[in-house]
C-alpha atoms as a PDB file:
ATOM      1  CA  MET A   1     -50.193  -3.004 -36.007  1.00  0.00           C
ATOM      2  CA  PRO A   2     -51.479  -2.399 -32.962  1.00  0.00           C
ATOM      3  CA  GLU A   3     -48.943  -0.404 -30.610  1.00  0.00           C
ATOM      4  CA  ILE A   4     -49.026  -1.291 -26.494  1.00  0.00           C
ATOM      5  CA  VAL A   5     -48.835   1.755 -24.323  1.00  0.00           C
ATOM      6  CA  LYS A   6     -48.549   1.118 -20.525  1.00  0.00           C
ATOM      7  CA  VAL A   7     -49.239   3.671 -18.041  1.00  0.00           C
ATOM      8  CA  GLU A   8     -49.796   4.219 -14.445  1.00  0.00           C
ATOM      9  CA  VAL A   9     -52.252   5.607 -12.294  1.00  0.00           C
ATOM     10  CA  SER A  10     -53.647   5.338  -9.563  1.00  0.00           C
ATOM     11  CA  ALA A  11     -55.752   3.016  -7.903  1.00  0.00           C
ATOM     12  CA  ALA A  12     -58.455   5.509  -7.277  1.00  0.00           C
ATOM     13  CA  LEU A  13     -58.053   6.637 -10.464  1.00  0.00           C
ATOM     14  CA  ALA A  14     -58.138   3.924 -12.377  1.00  0.00           C
ATOM     15  CA  LYS A  15     -61.675   2.165 -10.564  1.00  0.00           C
ATOM     16  CA  LYS A  16     -63.524   5.534 -11.011  1.00  0.00           C
ATOM     17  CA  PHE A  17     -62.061   4.946 -14.896  1.00  0.00           C
ATOM     18  CA  ARG A  18     -63.140   1.530 -15.162  1.00  0.00           C
ATOM     19  CA  ARG A  19     -66.602   2.558 -13.532  1.00  0.00           C
ATOM     20  CA  LYS A  20     -67.385   5.045 -16.146  1.00  0.00           C
ATOM     21  CA  VAL A  21     -66.264   2.800 -18.954  1.00  0.00           C
ATOM     22  CA  VAL A  22     -68.778   0.266 -17.466  1.00  0.00           C
ATOM     23  CA  GLU A  23     -71.644   3.041 -17.625  1.00  0.00           C
ATOM     24  CA  VAL A  24     -70.470   4.310 -21.140  1.00  0.00           C
ATOM     25  CA  TYR A  25     -69.409   1.325 -22.751  1.00  0.00           C
ATOM     26  CA  GLY A  26     -70.994  -1.563 -20.763  1.00  0.00           C
ATOM     27  CA  TYR A  27     -69.543  -5.144 -20.057  1.00  0.00           C
ATOM     28  CA  GLU A  28     -68.071  -5.906 -23.672  1.00  0.00           C
ATOM     29  CA  LYS A  29     -65.248  -7.639 -23.888  1.00  0.00           C
ATOM     30  CA  CYS A  30     -62.931  -4.478 -25.236  1.00  0.00           C
ATOM     31  CA  SER A  31     -64.785  -1.880 -23.695  1.00  0.00           C
ATOM     32  CA  VAL A  32     -61.911  -0.616 -21.580  1.00  0.00           C
ATOM     33  CA  LYS A  33     -59.821  -0.246 -25.186  1.00  0.00           C
ATOM     34  CA  SER A  34     -62.306   1.536 -26.642  1.00  0.00           C
ATOM     35  CA  ALA A  35     -62.865   4.216 -24.195  1.00  0.00           C
ATOM     36  CA  LEU A  36     -58.827   5.070 -24.167  1.00  0.00           C
ATOM     37  CA  GLU A  37     -59.110   4.980 -28.146  1.00  0.00           C
ATOM     38  CA  ASP A  38     -62.513   7.428 -27.814  1.00  0.00           C
ATOM     39  CA  LEU A  39     -59.884   9.776 -25.158  1.00  0.00           C
ATOM     40  CA  ILE A  40     -56.618   9.729 -27.423  1.00  0.00           C
ATOM     41  CA  LYS A  41     -58.740  10.617 -30.614  1.00  0.00           C
ATOM     42  CA  ARG A  42     -60.608  13.701 -28.805  1.00  0.00           C
ATOM     43  CA  PHE A  43     -57.118  14.553 -27.045  1.00  0.00           C
ATOM     44  CA  ILE A  44     -55.794  14.621 -30.695  1.00  0.00           C
ATOM     45  CA  ALA A  45     -58.348  16.646 -32.078  1.00  0.00           C
ATOM     46  CA  VAL A  46     -58.646  19.070 -29.096  1.00  0.00           C
ATOM     47  CA  ARG A  47     -54.742  19.665 -28.811  1.00  0.00           C
ATOM     48  CA  GLY A  48     -54.158  20.090 -32.948  1.00  0.00           C
ATOM     49  CA  THR A  49     -50.580  19.097 -32.949  1.00  0.00           C
ATOM     50  CA  GLU A  50     -50.096  18.102 -36.613  1.00  0.00           C
ATOM     51  CA  TRP A  51     -46.521  16.234 -36.077  1.00  0.00           C
ATOM     52  CA  GLY A  52     -46.103  15.665 -39.377  1.00  0.00           C
ATOM     53  CA  SER A  53     -45.517  19.414 -40.698  1.00  0.00           C
ATOM     54  CA  MET A  54     -42.316  19.427 -38.097  1.00  0.00           C
ATOM     55  CA  LYS A  55     -40.429  16.471 -39.799  1.00  0.00           C
ATOM     56  CA  GLY A  56     -37.496  18.362 -40.597  1.00  0.00           C
ATOM     57  CA  VAL A  57     -37.929  21.753 -39.646  1.00  0.00           C
ATOM     58  CA  LEU A  58     -36.573  21.398 -36.148  1.00  0.00           C
ATOM     59  CA  LYS A  59     -32.541  21.740 -36.541  1.00  0.00           C
ATOM     60  CA  LEU A  60     -31.585  20.419 -32.916  1.00  0.00           C
ATOM     61  CA  THR A  61     -29.280  17.572 -31.197  1.00  0.00           C
ATOM     62  CA  ALA A  62     -32.219  16.669 -29.173  1.00  0.00           C
ATOM     63  CA  ASN A  63     -33.425  12.867 -29.227  1.00  0.00           C
ATOM     64  CA  SER A  64     -36.559  12.812 -30.523  1.00  0.00           C
ATOM     65  CA  ILE A  65     -38.667  12.414 -26.835  1.00  0.00           C
ATOM     66  CA  GLU A  66     -37.213  15.644 -25.673  1.00  0.00           C
ATOM     67  CA  LEU A  67     -38.503  17.259 -28.937  1.00  0.00           C
ATOM     68  CA  GLN A  68     -42.037  16.125 -28.073  1.00  0.00           C
ATOM     69  CA  HIS A  69     -41.977  17.312 -24.532  1.00  0.00           C
ATOM     70  CA  ARG A  70     -41.053  20.373 -26.097  1.00  0.00           C
ATOM     71  CA  ALA A  71     -43.514  20.284 -28.851  1.00  0.00           C
ATOM     72  CA  TRP A  72     -46.488  19.636 -26.312  1.00  0.00           C
ATOM     73  CA  MET A  73     -44.849  22.255 -23.548  1.00  0.00           C
ATOM     74  CA  ARG A  74     -45.246  24.987 -26.107  1.00  0.00           C
ATOM     75  CA  SER A  75     -48.696  24.138 -27.810  1.00  0.00           C
ATOM     76  CA  ASN A  76     -50.240  24.282 -23.731  1.00  0.00           C
END
């Protein structure tokens, strides 16, 4: 099932991104979607964070969002 991810970026950044998407992917119907999926996959591959191995290991009272934030901060 697809997941919807909403994000707010500056108009200038969005404009540059869309120009680059057209250069790389062309004017295809789902070119922005394809570009974002590729970027997310590359980001995950570079960072190498394996969330599954963390399940049940952390004994904290923080919620999942706070735990993810802490994990990202430590991986940088």
